[in-house]
Amino acid sequence: MMRFFLHRDVLMLLVGFNAVGTIWGFFWYRDQLTQTPWFFWPLTPDCPLTSFCFLLFLWWVRNGERWRPGLKAAVAWIAVLGSLKYGVWTVLILGQYILSSGSQPDGQDWMLIASHLGLWAEGWVYRRQLPLLPPMYGAAMVWFLANDYADWFLGVHPRLPLPEEFSFAMWSSLALTVAIYFWGRSMLRSSTR
């Protein structure tokens, strides 16, 4: 099965999907970015940046990257861990909004749910392609901690459908960061056995 997902054409198709998702994601964040100080921009659009990192990761996998410690390997970890975290987080936030507001999901809601489930799925499918380099995993975790700090303590978090969702959004995001931390550690530990 993994052979299918490593086929060059499949990888190129997913690079294309991630390019569209990245562009659409930055478009979705456009209003928030215009109101956010420029120095917070790298920490504001969580999902589009994750999608862009995943696009790069897939491109490198397609081209047979020989992983060494460095920026590419750190980006690979950010791509996979971010896909797992933000894929789940966005679906949780939208699901909580739909259930608590009693509103019917519209086309954009369904598109966001489907695309973020896809983001999670590709993170899960391609996790075995990660460079098993502990320092790069550590660098990725520093990124997620900085991102969580900026989101939840400096107010740079994505716009929430309901202001009352703040506590749920923050605690679920922090819990998912803890989850990806332990998951990444277990990946590295199992590789040394």
N, C-alpha and C. Protein backbone atom coordinates (compact mmCIF):
# COMPACT_ATOMS: atom_id res chain seq x y z
N MET A 1 0.82 -1.20 0.00
CA MET A 1 0.00 0.00 0.00
C MET A 1 0.86 1.27 0.00
N MET A 2 1.93 1.27 0.83
CA MET A 2 2.78 2.45 0.90
C MET A 2 3.43 2.73 -0.45
N ARG A 3 3.66 1.68 -1.20
CA ARG A 3 4.26 1.85 -2.53
C ARG A 3 3.41 2.78 -3.39
N PHE A 4 2.09 2.63 -3.28
CA PHE A 4 1.17 3.50 -4.02
C PHE A 4 1.40 4.96 -3.62
N PHE A 5 1.48 5.22 -2.31
CA PHE A 5 1.64 6.59 -1.83
C PHE A 5 3.01 7.17 -2.12
N LEU A 6 3.97 6.32 -2.43
CA LEU A 6 5.31 6.81 -2.78
C LEU A 6 5.53 6.91 -4.29
N HIS A 7 4.52 6.56 -5.06
CA HIS A 7 4.62 6.70 -6.52
C HIS A 7 4.77 8.18 -6.85
N ARG A 8 5.66 8.48 -7.77
CA ARG A 8 5.95 9.88 -8.11
C ARG A 8 4.71 10.66 -8.54
N ASP A 9 3.80 10.02 -9.28
CA ASP A 9 2.59 10.72 -9.73
C ASP A 9 1.66 11.03 -8.55
N VAL A 10 1.54 10.09 -7.62
CA VAL A 10 0.71 10.33 -6.44
C VAL A 10 1.31 11.46 -5.61
N LEU A 11 2.62 11.43 -5.44
CA LEU A 11 3.28 12.50 -4.69
C LEU A 11 3.07 13.85 -5.36
N MET A 12 3.16 13.90 -6.69
CA MET A 12 2.94 15.17 -7.40
C MET A 12 1.49 15.63 -7.25
N LEU A 13 0.55 14.71 -7.29
CA LEU A 13 -0.86 15.07 -7.09
C LEU A 13 -1.05 15.69 -5.70
N LEU A 14 -0.43 15.08 -4.69
CA LEU A 14 -0.54 15.61 -3.34
C LEU A 14 0.19 16.94 -3.18
N VAL A 15 1.31 17.11 -3.88
CA VAL A 15 1.98 18.41 -3.89
C VAL A 15 1.02 19.46 -4.43
N GLY A 16 0.30 19.12 -5.50
CA GLY A 16 -0.68 20.04 -6.07
C GLY A 16 -1.81 20.36 -5.11
N PHE A 17 -2.36 19.33 -4.45
CA PHE A 17 -3.42 19.56 -3.46
C PHE A 17 -2.93 20.47 -2.34
N ASN A 18 -1.71 20.21 -1.88
CA ASN A 18 -1.18 21.04 -0.80
C ASN A 18 -0.92 22.47 -1.27
N ALA A 19 -0.53 22.65 -2.52
CA ALA A 19 -0.34 24.00 -3.05
C ALA A 19 -1.67 24.76 -3.04
N VAL A 20 -2.73 24.10 -3.51
CA VAL A 20 -4.06 24.73 -3.50
C VAL A 20 -4.49 25.03 -2.07
N GLY A 21 -4.30 24.06 -1.16
CA GLY A 21 -4.67 24.26 0.24
C GLY A 21 -3.89 25.39 0.89
N THR A 22 -2.62 25.50 0.55
CA THR A 22 -1.79 26.57 1.10
C THR A 22 -2.28 27.92 0.62
N ILE A 23 -2.52 28.05 -0.68
CA ILE A 23 -2.99 29.32 -1.24
C ILE A 23 -4.35 29.69 -0.65
N TRP A 24 -5.27 28.72 -0.63
CA TRP A 24 -6.60 28.99 -0.09
C TRP A 24 -6.50 29.34 1.39
N GLY A 25 -5.62 28.66 2.13
CA GLY A 25 -5.45 28.93 3.56
C GLY A 25 -4.95 30.34 3.82
N PHE A 26 -3.98 30.80 3.04
CA PHE A 26 -3.50 32.17 3.22
C PHE A 26 -4.60 33.17 2.85
N PHE A 27 -5.39 32.84 1.84
CA PHE A 27 -6.53 33.69 1.48
C PHE A 27 -7.51 33.75 2.66
N TRP A 28 -7.77 32.62 3.30
CA TRP A 28 -8.69 32.56 4.44
C TRP A 28 -8.17 33.43 5.59
N TYR A 29 -6.86 33.50 5.77
CA TYR A 29 -6.24 34.28 6.86
C TYR A 29 -6.00 35.74 6.48
N ARG A 30 -6.35 36.15 5.28
CA ARG A 30 -5.95 37.47 4.79
C ARG A 30 -6.36 38.60 5.73
N ASP A 31 -7.61 38.59 6.24
CA ASP A 31 -8.05 39.67 7.13
C ASP A 31 -7.28 39.66 8.44
N GLN A 32 -7.07 38.48 8.98
CA GLN A 32 -6.33 38.39 10.24
C GLN A 32 -4.89 38.84 10.06
N LEU A 33 -4.27 38.49 8.94
CA LEU A 33 -2.88 38.89 8.70
C LEU A 33 -2.75 40.41 8.57
N THR A 34 -3.75 41.07 7.97
CA THR A 34 -3.67 42.53 7.83
C THR A 34 -3.78 43.23 9.19
N GLN A 35 -4.35 42.54 10.17
CA GLN A 35 -4.52 43.13 11.50
C GLN A 35 -3.48 42.62 12.51
N THR A 36 -2.56 41.80 12.04
CA THR A 36 -1.54 41.20 12.91
C THR A 36 -0.19 41.85 12.61
N PRO A 37 0.57 42.25 13.65
CA PRO A 37 1.90 42.80 13.39
C PRO A 37 2.73 41.81 12.56
N TRP A 38 3.49 42.35 11.62
CA TRP A 38 4.22 41.52 10.66
C TRP A 38 5.12 40.49 11.33
N PHE A 39 5.69 40.83 12.51
CA PHE A 39 6.63 39.90 13.14
C PHE A 39 5.92 38.67 13.72
N PHE A 40 4.58 38.69 13.79
CA PHE A 40 3.83 37.50 14.20
C PHE A 40 3.32 36.69 13.01
N TRP A 41 3.52 37.16 11.81
CA TRP A 41 2.99 36.46 10.64
C TRP A 41 3.43 35.00 10.56
N PRO A 42 4.70 34.67 10.84
CA PRO A 42 5.07 33.25 10.75
C PRO A 42 4.32 32.35 11.74
N LEU A 43 3.76 32.94 12.79
CA LEU A 43 3.07 32.15 13.81
C LEU A 43 1.55 32.25 13.71
N THR A 44 1.04 32.94 12.70
CA THR A 44 -0.40 33.18 12.62
C THR A 44 -1.14 32.12 11.81
N PRO A 45 -0.81 31.91 10.54
CA PRO A 45 -1.60 30.97 9.72
C PRO A 45 -1.13 29.52 9.89
N ASP A 46 -1.52 28.89 11.00
CA ASP A 46 -1.01 27.55 11.34
C ASP A 46 -1.20 26.52 10.23
N CYS A 47 -2.41 26.38 9.75
CA CYS A 47 -2.69 25.32 8.77
C CYS A 47 -2.07 25.58 7.40
N PRO A 48 -2.15 26.80 6.86
CA PRO A 48 -1.47 27.02 5.57
C PRO A 48 0.04 26.81 5.64
N LEU A 49 0.65 27.21 6.74
CA LEU A 49 2.10 26.98 6.87
C LEU A 49 2.40 25.50 6.98
N THR A 50 1.55 24.77 7.70
CA THR A 50 1.73 23.32 7.79
C THR A 50 1.57 22.69 6.42
N SER A 51 0.56 23.12 5.68
CA SER A 51 0.33 22.59 4.33
C SER A 51 1.52 22.90 3.42
N PHE A 52 2.08 24.10 3.55
CA PHE A 52 3.25 24.46 2.75
C PHE A 52 4.45 23.59 3.13
N CYS A 53 4.66 23.39 4.43
CA CYS A 53 5.75 22.50 4.86
C CYS A 53 5.53 21.09 4.33
N PHE A 54 4.27 20.63 4.31
CA PHE A 54 3.99 19.29 3.81
C PHE A 54 4.25 19.20 2.31
N LEU A 55 3.93 20.26 1.60
CA LEU A 55 4.22 20.33 0.16
C LEU A 55 5.72 20.14 -0.05
N LEU A 56 6.53 20.87 0.71
CA LEU A 56 7.99 20.72 0.59
C LEU A 56 8.43 19.31 0.95
N PHE A 57 7.90 18.77 2.05
CA PHE A 57 8.25 17.42 2.50
C PHE A 57 7.94 16.40 1.41
N LEU A 58 6.74 16.48 0.81
CA LEU A 58 6.38 15.54 -0.26
C LEU A 58 7.30 15.69 -1.46
N TRP A 59 7.65 16.91 -1.78
CA TRP A 59 8.57 17.16 -2.90
C TRP A 59 9.92 16.50 -2.63
N TRP A 60 10.41 16.65 -1.41
CA TRP A 60 11.70 16.05 -1.05
C TRP A 60 11.62 14.53 -1.06
N VAL A 61 10.51 13.98 -0.55
CA VAL A 61 10.33 12.52 -0.59
C VAL A 61 10.31 12.05 -2.04
N ARG A 62 9.59 12.78 -2.88
CA ARG A 62 9.49 12.43 -4.31
C ARG A 62 10.86 12.40 -4.96
N ASN A 63 11.72 13.31 -4.57
CA ASN A 63 13.04 13.42 -5.18
C ASN A 63 14.12 12.64 -4.43
N GLY A 64 13.70 11.76 -3.51
CA GLY A 64 14.65 10.88 -2.84
C GLY A 64 15.60 11.56 -1.89
N GLU A 65 15.11 12.55 -1.16
CA GLU A 65 15.96 13.29 -0.21
C GLU A 65 16.70 12.33 0.72
N ARG A 66 18.00 12.59 0.86
CA ARG A 66 18.80 11.84 1.84
C ARG A 66 18.90 12.75 3.06
N TRP A 67 18.16 12.40 4.08
CA TRP A 67 17.99 13.28 5.24
C TRP A 67 19.27 13.41 6.05
N ARG A 68 19.60 14.65 6.35
CA ARG A 68 20.69 14.99 7.26
C ARG A 68 20.13 16.02 8.23
N PRO A 69 20.78 16.17 9.40
CA PRO A 69 20.31 17.22 10.29
C PRO A 69 20.36 18.57 9.58
N GLY A 70 19.34 19.35 9.74
CA GLY A 70 19.28 20.66 9.11
C GLY A 70 17.85 21.10 8.90
N LEU A 71 17.72 22.20 8.18
CA LEU A 71 16.41 22.82 7.99
C LEU A 71 15.40 21.89 7.33
N LYS A 72 15.81 21.16 6.29
CA LYS A 72 14.87 20.28 5.59
C LYS A 72 14.29 19.23 6.53
N ALA A 73 15.13 18.64 7.36
CA ALA A 73 14.65 17.60 8.27
C ALA A 73 13.72 18.20 9.33
N ALA A 74 14.03 19.40 9.81
CA ALA A 74 13.14 20.07 10.78
C ALA A 74 11.80 20.39 10.13
N VAL A 75 11.83 20.87 8.89
CA VAL A 75 10.58 21.16 8.17
C VAL A 75 9.76 19.88 7.98
N ALA A 76 10.43 18.76 7.73
CA ALA A 76 9.72 17.48 7.59
C ALA A 76 8.97 17.14 8.87
N TRP A 77 9.62 17.31 10.02
CA TRP A 77 8.96 17.04 11.30
C TRP A 77 7.81 18.02 11.53
N ILE A 78 8.01 19.30 11.22
CA ILE A 78 6.93 20.28 11.37
C ILE A 78 5.76 19.90 10.48
N ALA A 79 6.05 19.44 9.27
CA ALA A 79 4.99 19.05 8.33
C ALA A 79 4.15 17.91 8.88
N VAL A 80 4.79 16.85 9.32
CA VAL A 80 4.04 15.67 9.77
C VAL A 80 3.35 15.94 11.11
N LEU A 81 4.10 16.46 12.08
CA LEU A 81 3.48 16.73 13.38
C LEU A 81 2.39 17.78 13.27
N GLY A 82 2.63 18.81 12.46
CA GLY A 82 1.61 19.85 12.26
C GLY A 82 0.37 19.32 11.57
N SER A 83 0.55 18.43 10.62
CA SER A 83 -0.61 17.83 9.94
C SER A 83 -1.45 17.04 10.92
N LEU A 84 -0.79 16.29 11.78
CA LEU A 84 -1.53 15.51 12.78
C LEU A 84 -2.24 16.43 13.77
N LYS A 85 -1.52 17.44 14.25
CA LYS A 85 -2.11 18.35 15.24
C LYS A 85 -3.23 19.20 14.66
N TYR A 86 -2.93 19.95 13.61
CA TYR A 86 -3.91 20.91 13.10
C TYR A 86 -5.03 20.25 12.32
N GLY A 87 -4.77 19.08 11.75
CA GLY A 87 -5.86 18.35 11.12
C GLY A 87 -6.93 17.99 12.13
N VAL A 88 -6.52 17.47 13.27
CA VAL A 88 -7.47 17.11 14.34
C VAL A 88 -8.05 18.37 14.98
N TRP A 89 -7.21 19.34 15.30
CA TRP A 89 -7.66 20.53 16.01
C TRP A 89 -8.75 21.28 15.25
N THR A 90 -8.55 21.49 13.97
CA THR A 90 -9.53 22.24 13.19
C THR A 90 -10.87 21.51 13.14
N VAL A 91 -10.84 20.21 12.97
CA VAL A 91 -12.09 19.43 12.94
C VAL A 91 -12.77 19.50 14.31
N LEU A 92 -12.00 19.44 15.39
CA LEU A 92 -12.58 19.57 16.73
C LEU A 92 -13.26 20.93 16.91
N ILE A 93 -12.59 21.99 16.51
CA ILE A 93 -13.13 23.34 16.69
C ILE A 93 -14.39 23.52 15.85
N LEU A 94 -14.35 23.09 14.60
CA LEU A 94 -15.55 23.22 13.75
C LEU A 94 -16.68 22.34 14.27
N GLY A 95 -16.35 21.13 14.70
CA GLY A 95 -17.38 20.24 15.24
C GLY A 95 -18.02 20.82 16.49
N GLN A 96 -17.19 21.38 17.37
CA GLN A 96 -17.72 21.99 18.59
C GLN A 96 -18.60 23.18 18.25
N TYR A 97 -18.20 23.98 17.28
CA TYR A 97 -18.99 25.13 16.85
C TYR A 97 -20.34 24.68 16.30
N ILE A 98 -20.33 23.70 15.42
CA ILE A 98 -21.57 23.22 14.80
C ILE A 98 -22.51 22.66 15.87
N LEU A 99 -21.97 21.87 16.78
CA LEU A 99 -22.80 21.27 17.83
C LEU A 99 -23.32 22.30 18.82
N SER A 100 -22.48 23.25 19.23
CA SER A 100 -22.91 24.21 20.25
C SER A 100 -23.80 25.31 19.69
N SER A 101 -23.62 25.67 18.43
CA SER A 101 -24.44 26.74 17.86
C SER A 101 -25.75 26.22 17.29
N GLY A 102 -25.81 24.93 17.02
CA GLY A 102 -27.01 24.36 16.42
C GLY A 102 -27.19 24.74 14.96
N SER A 103 -26.16 25.35 14.38
CA SER A 103 -26.27 25.76 12.97
C SER A 103 -25.97 24.58 12.05
N GLN A 104 -26.48 24.69 10.85
CA GLN A 104 -26.20 23.68 9.84
C GLN A 104 -24.86 24.03 9.18
N PRO A 105 -23.97 23.07 9.03
CA PRO A 105 -22.70 23.37 8.36
C PRO A 105 -22.95 23.78 6.91
N ASP A 106 -22.23 24.81 6.48
CA ASP A 106 -22.35 25.24 5.09
C ASP A 106 -21.23 24.63 4.26
N GLY A 107 -21.17 25.00 3.01
CA GLY A 107 -20.16 24.44 2.10
C GLY A 107 -18.75 24.68 2.58
N GLN A 108 -18.49 25.88 3.10
CA GLN A 108 -17.14 26.18 3.59
C GLN A 108 -16.80 25.31 4.80
N ASP A 109 -17.76 25.10 5.69
CA ASP A 109 -17.51 24.23 6.85
C ASP A 109 -17.14 22.82 6.40
N TRP A 110 -17.90 22.28 5.45
CA TRP A 110 -17.62 20.92 4.96
C TRP A 110 -16.27 20.85 4.26
N MET A 111 -15.94 21.90 3.50
CA MET A 111 -14.65 21.93 2.81
C MET A 111 -13.51 21.98 3.83
N LEU A 112 -13.67 22.80 4.88
CA LEU A 112 -12.64 22.87 5.91
C LEU A 112 -12.49 21.54 6.65
N ILE A 113 -13.60 20.90 6.96
CA ILE A 113 -13.54 19.61 7.64
C ILE A 113 -12.85 18.58 6.75
N ALA A 114 -13.27 18.50 5.50
CA ALA A 114 -12.69 17.50 4.58
C ALA A 114 -11.20 17.77 4.35
N SER A 115 -10.83 19.02 4.14
CA SER A 115 -9.42 19.33 3.85
C SER A 115 -8.54 19.08 5.08
N HIS A 116 -9.06 19.34 6.27
CA HIS A 116 -8.24 19.11 7.46
C HIS A 116 -8.19 17.63 7.85
N LEU A 117 -9.23 16.88 7.53
CA LEU A 117 -9.13 15.43 7.68
C LEU A 117 -8.08 14.89 6.71
N GLY A 118 -8.04 15.47 5.50
CA GLY A 118 -7.01 15.10 4.53
C GLY A 118 -5.62 15.46 5.02
N LEU A 119 -5.49 16.62 5.65
CA LEU A 119 -4.21 17.04 6.21
C LEU A 119 -3.75 16.03 7.26
N TRP A 120 -4.67 15.63 8.15
CA TRP A 120 -4.34 14.63 9.16
C TRP A 120 -3.94 13.30 8.49
N ALA A 121 -4.73 12.87 7.50
CA ALA A 121 -4.49 11.57 6.85
C ALA A 121 -3.12 11.53 6.19
N GLU A 122 -2.74 12.61 5.50
CA GLU A 122 -1.43 12.56 4.85
C GLU A 122 -0.30 12.58 5.89
N GLY A 123 -0.50 13.25 7.00
CA GLY A 123 0.49 13.19 8.07
C GLY A 123 0.65 11.77 8.59
N TRP A 124 -0.48 11.08 8.74
CA TRP A 124 -0.44 9.70 9.24
C TRP A 124 0.19 8.76 8.21
N VAL A 125 -0.19 8.91 6.95
CA VAL A 125 0.32 8.02 5.90
C VAL A 125 1.83 8.19 5.72
N TYR A 126 2.31 9.43 5.74
CA TYR A 126 3.72 9.68 5.42
C TYR A 126 4.61 9.77 6.66
N ARG A 127 4.09 9.45 7.83
CA ARG A 127 4.90 9.53 9.06
C ARG A 127 6.14 8.66 8.99
N ARG A 128 6.07 7.55 8.30
CA ARG A 128 7.21 6.63 8.22
C ARG A 128 8.33 7.16 7.32
N GLN A 129 8.06 8.24 6.62
CA GLN A 129 9.09 8.84 5.77
C GLN A 129 9.90 9.90 6.52
N LEU A 130 9.54 10.14 7.77
CA LEU A 130 10.24 11.15 8.56
C LEU A 130 11.71 10.79 8.75
N PRO A 131 12.59 11.79 8.71
CA PRO A 131 13.98 11.55 9.07
C PRO A 131 14.06 11.36 10.58
N LEU A 132 14.53 10.22 11.02
CA LEU A 132 14.55 9.91 12.45
C LEU A 132 15.79 10.52 13.10
N LEU A 133 15.77 11.83 13.17
CA LEU A 133 16.88 12.62 13.70
C LEU A 133 16.37 13.39 14.92
N PRO A 134 16.70 12.94 16.13
CA PRO A 134 16.16 13.57 17.34
C PRO A 134 16.32 15.09 17.42
N PRO A 135 17.46 15.67 17.02
CA PRO A 135 17.55 17.13 17.12
C PRO A 135 16.51 17.85 16.25
N MET A 136 16.16 17.25 15.11
CA MET A 136 15.20 17.91 14.22
C MET A 136 13.77 17.78 14.77
N TYR A 137 13.51 16.66 15.43
CA TYR A 137 12.24 16.51 16.16
C TYR A 137 12.18 17.56 17.26
N GLY A 138 13.28 17.74 17.98
CA GLY A 138 13.35 18.75 19.04
C GLY A 138 13.11 20.15 18.50
N ALA A 139 13.71 20.47 17.36
CA ALA A 139 13.50 21.78 16.74
C ALA A 139 12.03 21.98 16.38
N ALA A 140 11.40 20.94 15.86
CA ALA A 140 9.97 21.04 15.52
C ALA A 140 9.14 21.28 16.78
N MET A 141 9.47 20.60 17.87
CA MET A 141 8.70 20.79 19.10
C MET A 141 8.88 22.21 19.65
N VAL A 142 10.07 22.78 19.51
CA VAL A 142 10.28 24.18 19.91
C VAL A 142 9.36 25.08 19.09
N TRP A 143 9.25 24.79 17.79
CA TRP A 143 8.35 25.55 16.92
C TRP A 143 6.91 25.49 17.44
N PHE A 144 6.44 24.28 17.77
CA PHE A 144 5.05 24.14 18.23
C PHE A 144 4.83 24.82 19.58
N LEU A 145 5.81 24.77 20.46
CA LEU A 145 5.68 25.47 21.74
C LEU A 145 5.63 26.98 21.54
N ALA A 146 6.49 27.50 20.66
CA ALA A 146 6.46 28.94 20.35
C ALA A 146 5.13 29.32 19.72
N ASN A 147 4.64 28.47 18.84
CA ASN A 147 3.36 28.73 18.19
C ASN A 147 2.22 28.74 19.20
N ASP A 148 2.20 27.76 20.11
CA ASP A 148 1.16 27.72 21.14
C ASP A 148 1.25 28.95 22.04
N TYR A 149 2.45 29.33 22.41
CA TYR A 149 2.61 30.52 23.26
C TYR A 149 2.06 31.76 22.54
N ALA A 150 2.43 31.93 21.29
CA ALA A 150 1.94 33.09 20.53
C ALA A 150 0.42 33.03 20.37
N ASP A 151 -0.10 31.85 20.05
CA ASP A 151 -1.54 31.71 19.85
C ASP A 151 -2.33 32.04 21.12
N TRP A 152 -1.97 31.41 22.22
CA TRP A 152 -2.86 31.41 23.39
C TRP A 152 -2.47 32.40 24.47
N PHE A 153 -1.25 32.95 24.41
CA PHE A 153 -0.85 33.90 25.44
C PHE A 153 -0.55 35.29 24.86
N LEU A 154 -0.37 35.37 23.55
CA LEU A 154 -0.17 36.66 22.89
C LEU A 154 -1.34 37.00 21.95
N GLY A 155 -2.32 36.11 21.84
CA GLY A 155 -3.54 36.39 21.09
C GLY A 155 -3.43 36.26 19.58
N VAL A 156 -2.50 35.45 19.09
CA VAL A 156 -2.30 35.31 17.65
C VAL A 156 -3.07 34.10 17.09
N HIS A 157 -3.86 33.43 17.91
CA HIS A 157 -4.57 32.22 17.48
C HIS A 157 -5.50 32.50 16.30
N PRO A 158 -5.82 31.44 15.54
CA PRO A 158 -6.76 31.61 14.44
C PRO A 158 -8.11 32.13 14.95
N ARG A 159 -8.77 32.87 14.11
CA ARG A 159 -10.11 33.35 14.48
C ARG A 159 -11.00 32.15 14.77
N LEU A 160 -11.74 32.25 15.83
CA LEU A 160 -12.63 31.16 16.24
C LEU A 160 -14.06 31.50 15.83
N PRO A 161 -14.85 30.49 15.44
CA PRO A 161 -16.23 30.76 15.04
C PRO A 161 -17.04 31.41 16.16
N LEU A 162 -16.78 31.02 17.40
CA LEU A 162 -17.47 31.60 18.56
C LEU A 162 -16.43 32.02 19.60
N PRO A 163 -16.53 33.24 20.13
CA PRO A 163 -15.57 33.66 21.16
C PRO A 163 -15.57 32.74 22.38
N GLU A 164 -16.72 32.13 22.67
CA GLU A 164 -16.82 31.24 23.83
C GLU A 164 -15.98 29.97 23.66
N GLU A 165 -15.49 29.73 22.47
CA GLU A 165 -14.68 28.53 22.21
C GLU A 165 -13.24 28.67 22.67
N PHE A 166 -12.85 29.85 23.15
CA PHE A 166 -11.44 30.10 23.45
C PHE A 166 -10.84 29.02 24.36
N SER A 167 -11.47 28.75 25.49
CA SER A 167 -10.90 27.77 26.44
C SER A 167 -10.78 26.39 25.80
N PHE A 168 -11.84 25.96 25.13
CA PHE A 168 -11.80 24.65 24.47
C PHE A 168 -10.70 24.63 23.41
N ALA A 169 -10.62 25.71 22.62
CA ALA A 169 -9.61 25.78 21.55
C ALA A 169 -8.20 25.74 22.13
N MET A 170 -7.97 26.52 23.19
CA MET A 170 -6.64 26.57 23.78
C MET A 170 -6.26 25.22 24.39
N TRP A 171 -7.12 24.66 25.21
CA TRP A 171 -6.78 23.41 25.90
C TRP A 171 -6.66 22.24 24.92
N SER A 172 -7.49 22.23 23.89
CA SER A 172 -7.35 21.14 22.91
C SER A 172 -6.06 21.29 22.12
N SER A 173 -5.68 22.53 21.80
CA SER A 173 -4.42 22.76 21.09
C SER A 173 -3.22 22.33 21.95
N LEU A 174 -3.23 22.73 23.21
CA LEU A 174 -2.13 22.36 24.11
C LEU A 174 -2.08 20.85 24.32
N ALA A 175 -3.25 20.22 24.46
CA ALA A 175 -3.29 18.76 24.62
C ALA A 175 -2.74 18.06 23.38
N LEU A 176 -3.05 18.59 22.20
CA LEU A 176 -2.54 17.99 20.96
C LEU A 176 -1.02 18.18 20.84
N THR A 177 -0.51 19.30 21.33
CA THR A 177 0.95 19.48 21.34
C THR A 177 1.61 18.43 22.23
N VAL A 178 1.02 18.18 23.39
CA VAL A 178 1.54 17.13 24.27
C VAL A 178 1.46 15.77 23.56
N ALA A 179 0.35 15.52 22.88
CA ALA A 179 0.17 14.24 22.17
C ALA A 179 1.22 14.05 21.08
N ILE A 180 1.48 15.10 20.28
CA ILE A 180 2.48 14.94 19.22
C ILE A 180 3.89 14.83 19.80
N TYR A 181 4.10 15.45 20.95
CA TYR A 181 5.40 15.30 21.63
C TYR A 181 5.65 13.83 21.97
N PHE A 182 4.68 13.21 22.64
CA PHE A 182 4.86 11.80 23.02
C PHE A 182 4.86 10.88 21.81
N TRP A 183 4.06 11.19 20.81
CA TRP A 183 4.05 10.37 19.60
C TRP A 183 5.41 10.43 18.90
N GLY A 184 5.96 11.64 18.77
CA GLY A 184 7.27 11.79 18.14
C GLY A 184 8.36 11.06 18.91
N ARG A 185 8.32 11.15 20.23
CA ARG A 185 9.30 10.42 21.05
C ARG A 185 9.18 8.93 20.84
N SER A 186 7.95 8.43 20.77
CA SER A 186 7.79 6.98 20.58
C SER A 186 8.28 6.56 19.19
N MET A 187 8.09 7.42 18.18
CA MET A 187 8.63 7.13 16.84
C MET A 187 10.15 7.00 16.90
N LEU A 188 10.79 7.92 17.58
CA LEU A 188 12.25 7.89 17.67
C LEU A 188 12.73 6.70 18.48
N ARG A 189 12.05 6.40 19.58
CA ARG A 189 12.45 5.26 20.41
C ARG A 189 12.30 3.95 19.66
N SER A 190 11.19 3.80 18.93
CA SER A 190 10.98 2.54 18.21
C SER A 190 11.98 2.37 17.07
N SER A 191 12.55 3.46 16.59
CA SER A 191 13.53 3.36 15.50
C SER A 191 14.90 2.89 16.00
N THR A 192 15.13 3.01 17.30
CA THR A 192 16.44 2.62 17.83
C THR A 192 16.44 1.19 18.36
N ARG A 193 15.31 0.53 18.29
CA ARG A 193 15.23 -0.87 18.78
C ARG A 193 15.61 -1.84 17.71
